[in-house]
Protein backbone atom coordinates (compact mmCIF):
# COMPACT_ATOMS: atom_id res chain seq x y z
CA MET A 1 22.90 -1.93 -11.09
CA SER A 2 20.49 -4.78 -11.49
CA GLY A 3 16.75 -4.91 -11.90
CA LEU A 4 13.84 -5.55 -14.22
CA CYS A 5 11.30 -3.48 -16.11
CA GLY A 6 8.63 -3.72 -18.78
CA TRP A 7 4.95 -3.40 -19.55
CA PHE A 8 1.85 -5.42 -20.39
CA THR A 9 -0.69 -4.18 -22.95
CA PRO A 10 -4.14 -5.82 -22.96
CA PRO A 11 -6.00 -5.89 -26.31
CA ASP A 12 -7.80 -2.61 -25.54
CA ALA A 13 -4.64 -0.76 -24.43
CA ILE A 14 -2.84 1.94 -26.38
CA ALA A 15 0.14 0.34 -28.08
CA ILE A 16 3.60 1.00 -26.63
CA ASP A 17 6.62 1.22 -28.90
CA PRO A 18 8.31 -2.19 -28.56
CA HIS A 19 11.71 -0.54 -28.99
CA ALA A 20 11.21 1.35 -25.69
CA ILE A 21 12.22 -1.72 -23.69
CA GLY A 22 15.86 -1.24 -24.71
CA PRO A 23 16.28 2.29 -23.28
CA MET A 24 14.26 1.36 -20.19
CA THR A 25 16.50 -1.60 -19.38
CA ARG A 26 19.73 0.22 -20.19
CA ALA A 27 18.64 2.95 -17.77
CA LEU A 28 18.76 0.34 -15.00
CA ALA A 29 22.38 -0.44 -15.93
CA ARG A 30 23.61 3.07 -16.66
CA PHE A 31 25.93 3.29 -13.64
CA ASP A 32 27.89 0.08 -14.08
CA GLY A 33 27.24 -1.31 -17.57
CA ALA A 34 25.42 -4.39 -16.27
CA GLU A 35 24.51 -7.16 -18.70
CA VAL A 36 21.15 -6.41 -20.35
CA ARG A 37 18.59 -8.77 -21.89
CA VAL A 38 15.27 -7.75 -23.42
CA ALA A 39 12.23 -9.26 -25.12
CA SER A 40 9.14 -7.61 -26.58
CA GLY A 41 6.02 -8.52 -28.50
CA ALA A 42 2.50 -7.41 -29.31
CA PHE A 43 1.31 -7.93 -25.73
CA GLY A 44 4.24 -6.46 -23.80
CA GLY A 45 7.93 -6.22 -23.17
CA VAL A 46 10.36 -7.18 -20.40
CA GLY A 47 13.98 -6.46 -19.69
CA VAL A 48 16.52 -7.47 -17.05
CA ALA A 49 19.85 -5.93 -16.08
CA ARG A 50 22.30 -8.19 -14.30
CA GLY A 51 25.02 -6.49 -12.29
CA ARG A 52 28.19 -8.06 -10.99
CA GLY A 53 27.50 -10.60 -8.26
CA ASP A 54 23.74 -10.51 -8.79
CA ASP A 55 21.24 -12.70 -10.62
CA ALA A 56 18.71 -11.84 -13.30
CA ASP A 57 17.05 -14.09 -15.86
CA LEU A 58 14.56 -13.76 -18.70
CA PHE A 59 12.30 -16.22 -20.54
CA GLU A 60 10.23 -15.76 -23.68
CA GLY A 61 8.14 -18.43 -25.37
CA ASP A 62 4.69 -19.88 -25.99
CA GLY A 63 2.83 -16.64 -25.28
CA GLN A 64 4.70 -15.90 -22.07
CA MET A 65 7.41 -13.52 -20.92
CA VAL A 66 8.98 -13.90 -17.49
CA ALA A 67 11.59 -11.65 -15.88
CA LEU A 68 13.32 -12.71 -12.68
CA TRP A 69 15.61 -10.50 -10.61
CA GLY A 70 17.35 -12.31 -7.76
CA ARG A 71 16.99 -15.91 -6.67
CA ALA A 72 13.83 -17.90 -6.04
CA ALA A 73 13.45 -21.40 -4.64
CA LEU A 74 10.37 -23.61 -4.73
CA ASN A 75 9.26 -25.21 -1.47
CA GLY A 76 6.19 -27.03 -0.26
CA ALA A 77 3.96 -29.47 -2.11
CA GLY A 78 5.41 -30.60 -5.40
CA ALA A 79 8.93 -29.33 -4.71
CA THR A 80 11.93 -31.62 -4.97
CA GLY A 81 15.28 -31.38 -3.26
CA GLY A 82 14.02 -29.43 -0.25
CA GLY A 83 14.21 -26.06 -1.99
CA GLU A 84 14.45 -26.28 -5.77
CA ARG A 85 15.98 -23.15 -7.29
CA LEU A 86 14.06 -21.82 -10.28
CA GLY A 87 15.13 -19.81 -13.30
CA ALA A 88 12.77 -17.72 -15.40
CA ALA A 89 11.83 -20.65 -17.66
CA ALA A 90 11.01 -22.86 -14.68
CA ILE A 91 8.90 -20.08 -13.15
CA ALA A 92 6.96 -19.86 -16.43
CA GLU A 93 6.36 -23.62 -16.32
CA GLN A 94 5.32 -23.60 -12.66
CA PHE A 95 3.02 -20.62 -13.19
CA ALA A 96 1.29 -22.42 -16.06
CA ARG A 97 0.53 -25.25 -13.60
CA ARG A 98 -0.25 -23.33 -10.42
CA GLY A 99 -1.22 -19.78 -11.36
CA PRO A 100 -0.78 -17.10 -8.65
CA SER A 101 -0.62 -19.75 -5.91
CA LEU A 102 2.98 -20.32 -7.05
CA PHE A 103 4.15 -17.18 -5.24
CA GLY A 104 3.17 -18.62 -1.86
CA LEU A 105 5.58 -21.51 -2.45
CA LEU A 106 8.58 -19.35 -3.33
CA THR A 107 11.32 -18.33 -0.94
CA GLY A 108 14.49 -16.35 -1.49
CA SER A 109 15.22 -12.77 -2.52
CA PHE A 110 13.43 -11.93 -5.76
CA ALA A 111 11.23 -9.71 -7.89
CA ILE A 112 9.24 -11.39 -10.67
CA ALA A 113 7.21 -10.16 -13.63
CA ILE A 114 5.02 -12.60 -15.58
CA LEU A 115 3.23 -11.60 -18.79
CA ASP A 116 0.88 -14.26 -20.13
CA ALA A 117 -0.89 -13.53 -23.42
CA ARG A 118 -2.80 -16.82 -23.30
CA ARG A 119 -4.42 -15.99 -19.98
CA GLY A 120 -4.60 -12.31 -20.84
CA GLU A 121 -2.92 -11.26 -17.60
CA ALA A 122 0.19 -9.85 -16.02
CA LEU A 123 1.51 -10.46 -12.50
CA LEU A 124 4.24 -8.82 -10.44
CA ALA A 125 5.57 -10.23 -7.16
CA VAL A 126 8.30 -9.59 -4.61
CA ASP A 127 9.72 -11.83 -1.93
CA ARG A 128 8.52 -12.17 1.66
CA MET A 129 10.81 -9.43 2.98
CA GLY A 130 10.50 -7.09 0.01
CA THR A 131 14.26 -7.05 -0.54
CA ARG A 132 13.94 -6.31 -4.27
CA PRO A 133 12.07 -3.05 -4.98
CA LEU A 134 9.45 -3.06 -7.73
CA GLY A 135 7.16 -0.19 -8.70
CA TYR A 136 4.24 -0.04 -11.10
CA ARG A 137 1.54 2.20 -12.52
CA LEU A 138 -1.33 2.04 -14.98
CA GLN A 139 -1.10 4.01 -18.21
CA GLY A 140 -4.68 3.74 -19.39
CA THR A 141 -5.19 -0.02 -19.28
CA ALA A 142 -1.50 -0.87 -19.75
CA LEU A 143 0.58 -1.97 -16.75
CA ILE A 144 4.08 -0.46 -16.63
CA PHE A 145 6.63 -1.64 -14.04
CA GLY A 146 10.25 -1.28 -13.07
CA SER A 147 12.80 -1.61 -10.29
CA ARG A 148 13.32 2.16 -10.49
CA PHE A 149 10.50 4.66 -10.73
CA ASP A 150 12.34 6.83 -13.24
CA VAL A 151 11.94 4.18 -15.96
CA LEU A 152 8.14 4.07 -15.71
CA GLY A 153 7.68 7.21 -17.76
CA MET A 154 9.99 5.96 -20.51
CA ALA A 155 7.49 3.40 -21.82
CA ALA A 156 4.70 5.88 -22.46
CA ASP A 157 7.00 8.86 -23.13
CA ALA A 158 5.30 10.83 -20.36
CA ALA A 159 6.87 12.68 -17.45
CA PRO A 160 5.74 10.97 -14.20
CA GLY A 161 5.29 14.22 -12.24
CA VAL A 162 5.65 14.69 -8.47
CA SER A 163 2.99 14.09 -5.83
CA SER A 164 2.33 16.99 -3.43
CA GLN A 165 1.25 14.50 -0.76
CA ALA A 166 4.53 12.61 -1.17
CA ILE A 167 6.50 15.83 -0.61
CA TYR A 168 4.53 16.44 2.59
CA ASP A 169 5.08 12.85 3.72
CA TYR A 170 8.82 13.11 3.09
CA VAL A 171 9.15 16.37 5.02
CA TYR A 172 7.05 15.06 7.91
CA HIS A 173 8.15 11.40 8.03
CA HIS A 174 11.55 11.65 6.25
CA MET A 175 10.17 9.01 3.90
CA VAL A 176 7.22 8.27 1.60
CA PRO A 177 5.26 5.42 3.22
CA ALA A 178 4.62 2.40 1.01
CA PRO A 179 2.80 1.60 -1.14
CA GLU A 180 2.81 5.24 -2.30
CA SER A 181 5.74 6.85 -4.12
CA ILE A 182 6.98 10.30 -5.07
CA HIS A 183 5.14 10.01 -8.41
CA PRO A 184 1.33 10.29 -8.70
CA GLY A 185 -0.27 6.96 -9.57
CA ALA A 186 2.96 5.00 -9.12
CA ARG A 187 3.00 2.47 -6.29
CA ARG A 188 5.41 0.02 -4.72
CA LEU A 189 4.86 -3.64 -4.01
CA GLN A 190 5.02 -4.35 -0.31
CA PRO A 191 6.75 -7.38 1.27
CA GLY A 192 5.03 -10.64 0.35
CA GLU A 193 2.70 -8.93 -2.12
CA TYR A 194 1.72 -9.57 -5.71
CA VAL A 195 -0.17 -7.48 -8.26
CA ARG A 196 -2.42 -8.93 -10.96
CA LEU A 197 -3.89 -7.24 -14.03
CA HIS A 198 -6.64 -9.38 -15.55
CA GLU A 199 -9.65 -8.45 -17.66
CA GLY A 200 -8.98 -4.77 -17.10
CA ARG A 201 -8.94 -5.11 -13.30
CA LEU A 202 -5.87 -4.46 -11.18
CA THR A 203 -5.81 -6.29 -7.84
CA THR A 204 -3.25 -6.74 -5.08
CA ALA A 205 -2.94 -9.62 -2.62
CA LEU A 206 -0.48 -11.10 -0.14
CA HIS A 207 1.11 -14.44 -0.99
CA TRP A 208 2.79 -14.56 2.44
CA GLN A 209 2.31 -12.77 5.74
CA ILE A 210 4.40 -13.01 8.88
CA ARG A 211 2.66 -14.73 11.79
CA PHE A 212 3.19 -13.85 15.44
CA VAL A 213 2.52 -16.69 17.87
CA GLU A 214 2.02 -15.07 21.26
CA ASP A 215 2.12 -18.28 23.32
CA ASP A 216 5.26 -19.76 21.70
CA ILE A 217 7.50 -19.51 24.76
CA ARG A 218 10.99 -21.02 24.55
CA ALA A 219 14.10 -21.01 26.68
CA VAL A 220 16.63 -18.31 25.77
CA ALA A 221 19.31 -20.91 25.03
CA GLN A 222 17.01 -22.76 22.63
CA GLY A 223 16.06 -19.55 20.84
CA LYS A 224 19.71 -18.50 20.58
CA ASP A 225 20.79 -21.84 19.08
CA GLU A 226 17.91 -21.81 16.59
CA PHE A 227 18.59 -18.20 15.57
CA LEU A 228 22.30 -18.83 14.98
CA GLY A 229 21.45 -21.97 13.04
CA VAL A 230 19.10 -20.04 10.74
CA VAL A 231 21.72 -17.32 10.13
CA LYS A 232 24.47 -19.83 9.30
CA ASP A 233 22.11 -21.85 7.11
CA SER A 234 21.00 -18.70 5.26
CA VAL A 235 24.60 -17.68 4.52
CA ARG A 236 25.45 -21.19 3.33
CA ARG A 237 22.39 -21.42 1.08
CA SER A 238 22.80 -17.93 -0.37
CA ALA A 239 25.41 -19.29 -2.78
CA THR A 240 22.85 -21.64 -4.36
CA GLY A 241 19.61 -19.73 -3.85
CA GLY A 242 18.15 -22.38 -1.56
CA ALA A 243 15.74 -21.68 1.29
CA ALA A 244 16.85 -21.46 4.91
CA THR A 245 15.13 -23.83 7.33
CA ALA A 246 14.79 -23.25 11.05
CA ALA A 247 15.39 -25.98 13.59
CA SER A 248 11.63 -26.29 13.97
CA GLY A 249 11.45 -27.34 10.33
CA LYS A 250 9.76 -24.14 9.14
CA THR A 251 11.04 -22.72 5.88
CA ILE A 252 11.71 -18.98 5.91
């Protein structure tokens, strides 16, 4: 399997054993022996597991840690090449320049964790369709996150427990509606969402939201050609992590 995990500990947070990042990340790869990379320091730890045919990258340096699972491309103002694919180091550089506004310029299929000791903040983000799951919870003032909920309790050595409301939701709806999860206090990022922990305050916001234009009426043939063009372009670009562009010129 592939994925990412880790934690961020503000100055007032209870310290987390830096060696915990190893078992957390290996738990993501326990079914297929995926390649594992980890980094940890006084302010947090991150790990990525890269399975066969998937992408995961990690950067550590200059007071930052960045974990990237999947592929992200930069579009919009300041981008070059009509969809510049970014690795974890490039995301760290772009975040230093743009802050959270960077997420609104990213396309692709990704989950990202950014820990920045200089700014005293941590951010988590998923792509516009939410194709890469990412959960999180607060342990005191520390932010713990992971692609699987079962790794969240490994950082603080505490059993996550089970939510009675989640059991009811599952029996009634056959699912646990997002952003809630089966574990009390653990939540999921929703499509196009990012989470920010800064100065002891946890906030969520959307970096992208789908727009429905009611009066955009087109001929069926035009819509069919544009749809097929987007699908073919998406398949072609998936090999390089670029962004698909509709015939209207809109990046998706």
